[in-house]
Amino acid sequence: MQKLHLVMGGRVKDPQGLEFVDLKAIDMVGVFPDYASAEEAWRGAAQKTVDDAEMRYVIVHLHRLLEPNLPSA
């Protein structure tokens, strides 16, 4: 099974949370075929905004959303 990962980020209301301020301004970094390449893209994007506490990048496990009954291993 293909394990797709989405890397995205944007300004959040609270640096401790994941509620984005403006969904239209979300930075869609890309979709990646494995966690390692998604993590590399995440690190690159997050590093660009490291001094801005209100910017947050995340990795979304799309394969878990598309097929939630599959084992996570």
PDB file of N, CA and C in Angstrom:
ATOM      1  N   MET A   1       0.841  -1.186   0.000  1.00  0.00           N
ATOM      2  CA  MET A   1       0.000   0.000   0.000  1.00  0.00           C
ATOM      3  C   MET A   1       0.880   1.240   0.000  1.00  0.00           C
ATOM      4  N   GLN A   2       0.502   2.210  -0.786  1.00  0.00           N
ATOM      5  CA  GLN A   2       1.217   3.480  -0.842  1.00  0.00           C
ATOM      6  C   GLN A   2       0.878   4.307   0.396  1.00  0.00           C
ATOM      7  N   LYS A   3       1.895   4.812   1.062  1.00  0.00           N
ATOM      8  CA  LYS A   3       1.686   5.609   2.273  1.00  0.00           C
ATOM      9  C   LYS A   3       1.989   7.071   1.966  1.00  0.00           C
ATOM     10  N   LEU A   4       0.936   7.823   1.680  1.00  0.00           N
ATOM     11  CA  LEU A   4       1.072   9.228   1.311  1.00  0.00           C
ATOM     12  C   LEU A   4       1.129  10.122   2.543  1.00  0.00           C
ATOM     13  N   HIS A   5       1.978  11.149   2.466  1.00  0.00           N
ATOM     14  CA  HIS A   5       2.135  12.109   3.553  1.00  0.00           C
ATOM     15  C   HIS A   5       2.066  13.523   2.982  1.00  0.00           C
ATOM     16  N   LEU A   6       1.260  14.366   3.597  1.00  0.00           N
ATOM     17  CA  LEU A   6       1.112  15.759   3.200  1.00  0.00           C
ATOM     18  C   LEU A   6       1.891  16.633   4.178  1.00  0.00           C
ATOM     19  N   VAL A   7       2.686  17.544   3.662  1.00  0.00           N
ATOM     20  CA  VAL A   7       3.384  18.528   4.494  1.00  0.00           C
ATOM     21  C   VAL A   7       2.757  19.885   4.212  1.00  0.00           C
ATOM     22  N   MET A   8       2.307  20.531   5.291  1.00  0.00           N
ATOM     23  CA  MET A   8       1.657  21.830   5.159  1.00  0.00           C
ATOM     24  C   MET A   8       1.928  22.666   6.398  1.00  0.00           C
ATOM     25  N   GLY A   9       1.702  23.956   6.275  1.00  0.00           N
ATOM     26  CA  GLY A   9       1.923  24.820   7.426  1.00  0.00           C
ATOM     27  C   GLY A   9       1.274  26.168   7.249  1.00  0.00           C
ATOM     28  N   GLY A  10       1.313  26.927   8.317  1.00  0.00           N
ATOM     29  CA  GLY A  10       0.745  28.261   8.289  1.00  0.00           C
ATOM     30  C   GLY A  10       0.766  28.888   9.662  1.00  0.00           C
ATOM     31  N   ARG A  11       0.210  30.069   9.725  1.00  0.00           N
ATOM     32  CA  ARG A  11       0.158  30.802  10.985  1.00  0.00           C
ATOM     33  C   ARG A  11      -0.942  30.206  11.861  1.00  0.00           C
ATOM     34  N   VAL A  12      -0.615  29.945  13.135  1.00  0.00           N
ATOM     35  CA  VAL A  12      -1.576  29.380  14.082  1.00  0.00           C
ATOM     36  C   VAL A  12      -1.989  30.429  15.106  1.00  0.00           C
ATOM     37  N   LYS A  13      -3.199  30.259  15.665  1.00  0.00           N
ATOM     38  CA  LYS A  13      -3.709  31.205  16.663  1.00  0.00           C
ATOM     39  C   LYS A  13      -2.924  31.112  17.963  1.00  0.00           C
ATOM     40  N   ASP A  14      -2.540  29.892  18.338  1.00  0.00           N
ATOM     41  CA  ASP A  14      -1.804  29.641  19.571  1.00  0.00           C
ATOM     42  C   ASP A  14      -0.609  28.758  19.226  1.00  0.00           C
ATOM     43  N   PRO A  15       0.609  29.171  19.561  1.00  0.00           N
ATOM     44  CA  PRO A  15       1.794  28.374  19.217  1.00  0.00           C
ATOM     45  C   PRO A  15       1.771  26.950  19.779  1.00  0.00           C
ATOM     46  N   GLN A  16       0.952  26.698  20.782  1.00  0.00           N
ATOM     47  CA  GLN A  16       0.840  25.357  21.349  1.00  0.00           C
ATOM     48  C   GLN A  16      -0.223  24.513  20.641  1.00  0.00           C
ATOM     49  N   GLY A  17      -0.986  25.114  19.733  1.00  0.00           N
ATOM     50  CA  GLY A  17      -2.093  24.416  19.091  1.00  0.00           C
ATOM     51  C   GLY A  17      -1.916  24.268  17.591  1.00  0.00           C
ATOM     52  N   LEU A  18      -2.974  23.766  16.959  1.00  0.00           N
ATOM     53  CA  LEU A  18      -2.964  23.547  15.515  1.00  0.00           C
ATOM     54  C   LEU A  18      -4.119  24.234  14.802  1.00  0.00           C
ATOM     55  N   GLU A  19      -4.696  25.252  15.421  1.00  0.00           N
ATOM     56  CA  GLU A  19      -5.783  25.980  14.766  1.00  0.00           C
ATOM     57  C   GLU A  19      -5.173  27.095  13.911  1.00  0.00           C
ATOM     58  N   PHE A  20      -5.302  26.933  12.599  1.00  0.00           N
ATOM     59  CA  PHE A  20      -4.699  27.884  11.671  1.00  0.00           C
ATOM     60  C   PHE A  20      -5.533  29.154  11.570  1.00  0.00           C
ATOM     61  N   VAL A  21      -4.869  30.293  11.454  1.00  0.00           N
ATOM     62  CA  VAL A  21      -5.521  31.602  11.393  1.00  0.00           C
ATOM     63  C   VAL A  21      -6.278  31.777  10.088  1.00  0.00           C
ATOM     64  N   ASP A  22      -5.633  31.493   8.970  1.00  0.00           N
ATOM     65  CA  ASP A  22      -6.220  31.744   7.650  1.00  0.00           C
ATOM     66  C   ASP A  22      -6.014  30.522   6.758  1.00  0.00           C
ATOM     67  N   LEU A  23      -7.048  29.748   6.567  1.00  0.00           N
ATOM     68  CA  LEU A  23      -6.923  28.525   5.771  1.00  0.00           C
ATOM     69  C   LEU A  23      -6.576  28.806   4.315  1.00  0.00           C
ATOM     70  N   LYS A  24      -6.914  29.986   3.828  1.00  0.00           N
ATOM     71  CA  LYS A  24      -6.572  30.343   2.448  1.00  0.00           C
ATOM     72  C   LYS A  24      -5.073  30.610   2.289  1.00  0.00           C
ATOM     73  N   ALA A  25      -4.399  30.861   3.406  1.00  0.00           N
ATOM     74  CA  ALA A  25      -2.970  31.170   3.360  1.00  0.00           C
ATOM     75  C   ALA A  25      -2.095  29.968   3.743  1.00  0.00           C
ATOM     76  N   ILE A  26      -2.682  28.782   3.839  1.00  0.00           N
ATOM     77  CA  ILE A  26      -1.915  27.582   4.187  1.00  0.00           C
ATOM     78  C   ILE A  26      -0.869  27.331   3.103  1.00  0.00           C
ATOM     79  N   ASP A  27       0.334  27.037   3.547  1.00  0.00           N
ATOM     80  CA  ASP A  27       1.430  26.701   2.637  1.00  0.00           C
ATOM     81  C   ASP A  27       1.423  25.184   2.438  1.00  0.00           C
ATOM     82  N   MET A  28       0.981  24.743   1.266  1.00  0.00           N
ATOM     83  CA  MET A  28       0.982  23.326   0.927  1.00  0.00           C
ATOM     84  C   MET A  28       2.349  22.990   0.342  1.00  0.00           C
ATOM     85  N   VAL A  29       3.204  22.404   1.149  1.00  0.00           N
ATOM     86  CA  VAL A  29       4.562  22.087   0.711  1.00  0.00           C
ATOM     87  C   VAL A  29       4.531  20.968  -0.322  1.00  0.00           C
ATOM     88  N   GLY A  30       3.720  19.923  -0.068  1.00  0.00           N
ATOM     89  CA  GLY A  30       3.603  18.849  -1.046  1.00  0.00           C
ATOM     90  C   GLY A  30       3.148  17.541  -0.443  1.00  0.00           C
ATOM     91  N   VAL A  31       2.952  16.568  -1.311  1.00  0.00           N
ATOM     92  CA  VAL A  31       2.576  15.209  -0.931  1.00  0.00           C
ATOM     93  C   VAL A  31       3.768  14.318  -1.239  1.00  0.00           C
ATOM     94  N   PHE A  32       4.100  13.440  -0.283  1.00  0.00           N
ATOM     95  CA  PHE A  32       5.303  12.625  -0.388  1.00  0.00           C
ATOM     96  C   PHE A  32       4.975  11.150  -0.206  1.00  0.00           C
ATOM     97  N   PRO A  33       5.732  10.262  -0.865  1.00  0.00           N
ATOM     98  CA  PRO A  33       5.423   8.837  -0.875  1.00  0.00           C
ATOM     99  C   PRO A  33       5.871   8.069   0.366  1.00  0.00           C
ATOM    100  N   ASP A  34       6.645   8.703   1.233  1.00  0.00           N
ATOM    101  CA  ASP A  34       7.097   8.017   2.445  1.00  0.00           C
ATOM    102  C   ASP A  34       7.386   9.057   3.522  1.00  0.00           C
ATOM    103  N   TYR A  35       7.463   8.583   4.757  1.00  0.00           N
ATOM    104  CA  TYR A  35       7.646   9.495   5.882  1.00  0.00           C
ATOM    105  C   TYR A  35       8.996  10.199   5.821  1.00  0.00           C
ATOM    106  N   ALA A  36      10.033   9.495   5.415  1.00  0.00           N
ATOM    107  CA  ALA A  36      11.379  10.079   5.380  1.00  0.00           C
ATOM    108  C   ALA A  36      11.436  11.303   4.469  1.00  0.00           C
ATOM    109  N   SER A  37      10.873  11.217   3.289  1.00  0.00           N
ATOM    110  CA  SER A  37      10.901  12.372   2.380  1.00  0.00           C
ATOM    111  C   SER A  37       9.979  13.478   2.870  1.00  0.00           C
ATOM    112  N   ALA A  38       8.866  13.113   3.517  1.00  0.00           N
ATOM    113  CA  ALA A  38       7.977  14.123   4.094  1.00  0.00           C
ATOM    114  C   ALA A  38       8.674  14.849   5.244  1.00  0.00           C
ATOM    115  N   GLU A  39       9.399  14.102   6.059  1.00  0.00           N
ATOM    116  CA  GLU A  39      10.109  14.713   7.179  1.00  0.00           C
ATOM    117  C   GLU A  39      11.200  15.670   6.683  1.00  0.00           C
ATOM    118  N   GLU A  40      11.876  15.295   5.634  1.00  0.00           N
ATOM    119  CA  GLU A  40      12.907  16.162   5.055  1.00  0.00           C
ATOM    120  C   GLU A  40      12.289  17.478   4.560  1.00  0.00           C
ATOM    121  N   ALA A  41      11.146  17.379   3.885  1.00  0.00           N
ATOM    122  CA  ALA A  41      10.452  18.577   3.402  1.00  0.00           C
ATOM    123  C   ALA A  41       9.934  19.410   4.570  1.00  0.00           C
ATOM    124  N   TRP A  42       9.414  18.746   5.593  1.00  0.00           N
ATOM    125  CA  TRP A  42       8.921  19.434   6.790  1.00  0.00           C
ATOM    126  C   TRP A  42      10.047  20.215   7.464  1.00  0.00           C
ATOM    127  N   ARG A  43      11.200  19.562   7.635  1.00  0.00           N
ATOM    128  CA  ARG A  43      12.350  20.232   8.269  1.00  0.00           C
ATOM    129  C   ARG A  43      12.776  21.471   7.471  1.00  0.00           C
ATOM    130  N   GLY A  44      12.808  21.344   6.162  1.00  0.00           N
ATOM    131  CA  GLY A  44      13.189  22.477   5.319  1.00  0.00           C
ATOM    132  C   GLY A  44      12.223  23.635   5.438  1.00  0.00           C
ATOM    133  N   ALA A  45      10.932  23.337   5.413  1.00  0.00           N
ATOM    134  CA  ALA A  45       9.913  24.393   5.503  1.00  0.00           C
ATOM    135  C   ALA A  45       9.909  25.018   6.890  1.00  0.00           C
ATOM    136  N   ALA A  46       9.989  24.189   7.929  1.00  0.00           N
ATOM    137  CA  ALA A  46       9.962  24.699   9.298  1.00  0.00           C
ATOM    138  C   ALA A  46      11.197  25.544   9.593  1.00  0.00           C
ATOM    139  N   GLN A  47      12.326  25.159   9.050  1.00  0.00           N
ATOM    140  CA  GLN A  47      13.570  25.897   9.292  1.00  0.00           C
ATOM    141  C   GLN A  47      13.495  27.318   8.755  1.00  0.00           C
ATOM    142  N   LYS A  48      12.762  27.523   7.670  1.00  0.00           N
ATOM    143  CA  LYS A  48      12.638  28.863   7.074  1.00  0.00           C
ATOM    144  C   LYS A  48      11.901  29.831   7.999  1.00  0.00           C
ATOM    145  N   THR A  49      11.051  29.290   8.894  1.00  0.00           N
ATOM    146  CA  THR A  49      10.257  30.145   9.780  1.00  0.00           C
ATOM    147  C   THR A  49      10.583  29.885  11.249  1.00  0.00           C
ATOM    148  N   VAL A  50      11.776  29.398  11.528  1.00  0.00           N
ATOM    149  CA  VAL A  50      12.151  28.994  12.879  1.00  0.00           C
ATOM    150  C   VAL A  50      12.032  30.125  13.906  1.00  0.00           C
ATOM    151  N   ASP A  51      12.201  31.354  13.501  1.00  0.00           N
ATOM    152  CA  ASP A  51      12.131  32.482  14.420  1.00  0.00           C
ATOM    153  C   ASP A  51      10.718  33.022  14.622  1.00  0.00           C
ATOM    154  N   ASP A  52       9.740  32.459  13.945  1.00  0.00           N
ATOM    155  CA  ASP A  52       8.348  32.914  14.041  1.00  0.00           C
ATOM    156  C   ASP A  52       7.536  31.846  14.778  1.00  0.00           C
ATOM    157  N   ALA A  53       7.279  32.083  16.067  1.00  0.00           N
ATOM    158  CA  ALA A  53       6.591  31.089  16.905  1.00  0.00           C
ATOM    159  C   ALA A  53       5.161  30.800  16.453  1.00  0.00           C
ATOM    160  N   GLU A  54       4.572  31.698  15.676  1.00  0.00           N
ATOM    161  CA  GLU A  54       3.195  31.497  15.239  1.00  0.00           C
ATOM    162  C   GLU A  54       3.088  30.754  13.917  1.00  0.00           C
ATOM    163  N   MET A  55       4.220  30.397  13.328  1.00  0.00           N
ATOM    164  CA  MET A  55       4.208  29.583  12.103  1.00  0.00           C
ATOM    165  C   MET A  55       4.460  28.145  12.485  1.00  0.00           C
ATOM    166  N   ARG A  56       3.647  27.245  11.923  1.00  0.00           N
ATOM    167  CA  ARG A  56       3.770  25.831  12.275  1.00  0.00           C
ATOM    168  C   ARG A  56       3.590  24.974  11.040  1.00  0.00           C
ATOM    169  N   TYR A  57       4.468  23.998  10.884  1.00  0.00           N
ATOM    170  CA  TYR A  57       4.383  23.028   9.793  1.00  0.00           C
ATOM    171  C   TYR A  57       4.124  21.651  10.386  1.00  0.00           C
ATOM    172  N   VAL A  58       3.335  20.852   9.674  1.00  0.00           N
ATOM    173  CA  VAL A  58       2.964  19.522  10.156  1.00  0.00           C
ATOM    174  C   VAL A  58       3.052  18.505   9.020  1.00  0.00           C
ATOM    175  N   ILE A  59       3.140  17.249   9.422  1.00  0.00           N
ATOM    176  CA  ILE A  59       3.062  16.130   8.477  1.00  0.00           C
ATOM    177  C   ILE A  59       1.741  15.425   8.743  1.00  0.00           C
ATOM    178  N   VAL A  60       0.914  15.323   7.714  1.00  0.00           N
ATOM    179  CA  VAL A  60      -0.384  14.644   7.822  1.00  0.00           C
ATOM    180  C   VAL A  60      -0.263  13.291   7.125  1.00  0.00           C
ATOM    181  N   HIS A  61      -0.620  12.237   7.834  1.00  0.00           N
ATOM    182  CA  HIS A  61      -0.565  10.884   7.283  1.00  0.00           C
ATOM    183  C   HIS A  61      -1.839  10.641   6.462  1.00  0.00           C
ATOM    184  N   LEU A  62      -1.787  10.995   5.182  1.00  0.00           N
ATOM    185  CA  LEU A  62      -2.973  10.875   4.326  1.00  0.00           C
ATOM    186  C   LEU A  62      -3.464   9.443   4.214  1.00  0.00           C
ATOM    187  N   HIS A  63      -2.561   8.489   4.199  1.00  0.00           N
ATOM    188  CA  HIS A  63      -2.972   7.093   4.062  1.00  0.00           C
ATOM    189  C   HIS A  63      -3.842   6.649   5.236  1.00  0.00           C
ATOM    190  N   ARG A  64      -3.650   7.226   6.399  1.00  0.00           N
ATOM    191  CA  ARG A  64      -4.487   6.887   7.560  1.00  0.00           C
ATOM    192  C   ARG A  64      -5.878   7.484   7.428  1.00  0.00           C
ATOM    193  N   LEU A  65      -5.978   8.617   6.747  1.00  0.00           N
ATOM    194  CA  LEU A  65      -7.283   9.230   6.523  1.00  0.00           C
ATOM    195  C   LEU A  65      -8.047   8.519   5.412  1.00  0.00           C
ATOM    196  N   LEU A  66      -7.305   8.089   4.383  1.00  0.00           N
ATOM    197  CA  LEU A  66      -7.948   7.435   3.239  1.00  0.00           C
ATOM    198  C   LEU A  66      -8.431   6.023   3.569  1.00  0.00           C
ATOM    199  N   GLU A  67      -7.653   5.313   4.411  1.00  0.00           N
ATOM    200  CA  GLU A  67      -8.016   3.947   4.788  1.00  0.00           C
ATOM    201  C   GLU A  67      -7.789   3.762   6.282  1.00  0.00           C
ATOM    202  N   PRO A  68      -8.701   4.285   7.129  1.00  0.00           N
ATOM    203  CA  PRO A  68      -8.502   4.276   8.577  1.00  0.00           C
ATOM    204  C   PRO A  68      -8.488   2.891   9.225  1.00  0.00           C
ATOM    205  N   ASN A  69      -9.000   1.874   8.565  1.00  0.00           N
ATOM    206  CA  ASN A  69      -9.053   0.538   9.160  1.00  0.00           C
ATOM    207  C   ASN A  69      -7.776  -0.279   8.949  1.00  0.00           C
ATOM    208  N   LEU A  70      -6.850   0.248   8.190  1.00  0.00           N
ATOM    209  CA  LEU A  70      -5.591  -0.461   7.966  1.00  0.00           C
ATOM    210  C   LEU A  70      -4.699  -0.339   9.199  1.00  0.00           C
ATOM    211  N   PRO A  71      -3.924  -1.382   9.508  1.00  0.00           N
ATOM    212  CA  PRO A  71      -3.010  -1.298  10.634  1.00  0.00           C
ATOM    213  C   PRO A  71      -1.965  -0.207  10.403  1.00  0.00           C
ATOM    214  N   SER A  72      -1.511   0.444  11.461  1.00  0.00           N
ATOM    215  CA  SER A  72      -0.573   1.565  11.328  1.00  0.00           C
ATOM    216  C   SER A  72       0.857   1.117  11.088  1.00  0.00           C
ATOM    217  N   ALA A  73       1.161  -0.129  11.189  1.00  0.00           N
ATOM    218  CA  ALA A  73       2.532  -0.628  10.996  1.00  0.00           C
ATOM    219  C   ALA A  73       2.924  -0.675   9.546  1.00  0.00           C
TER     220      ALA A  73
END
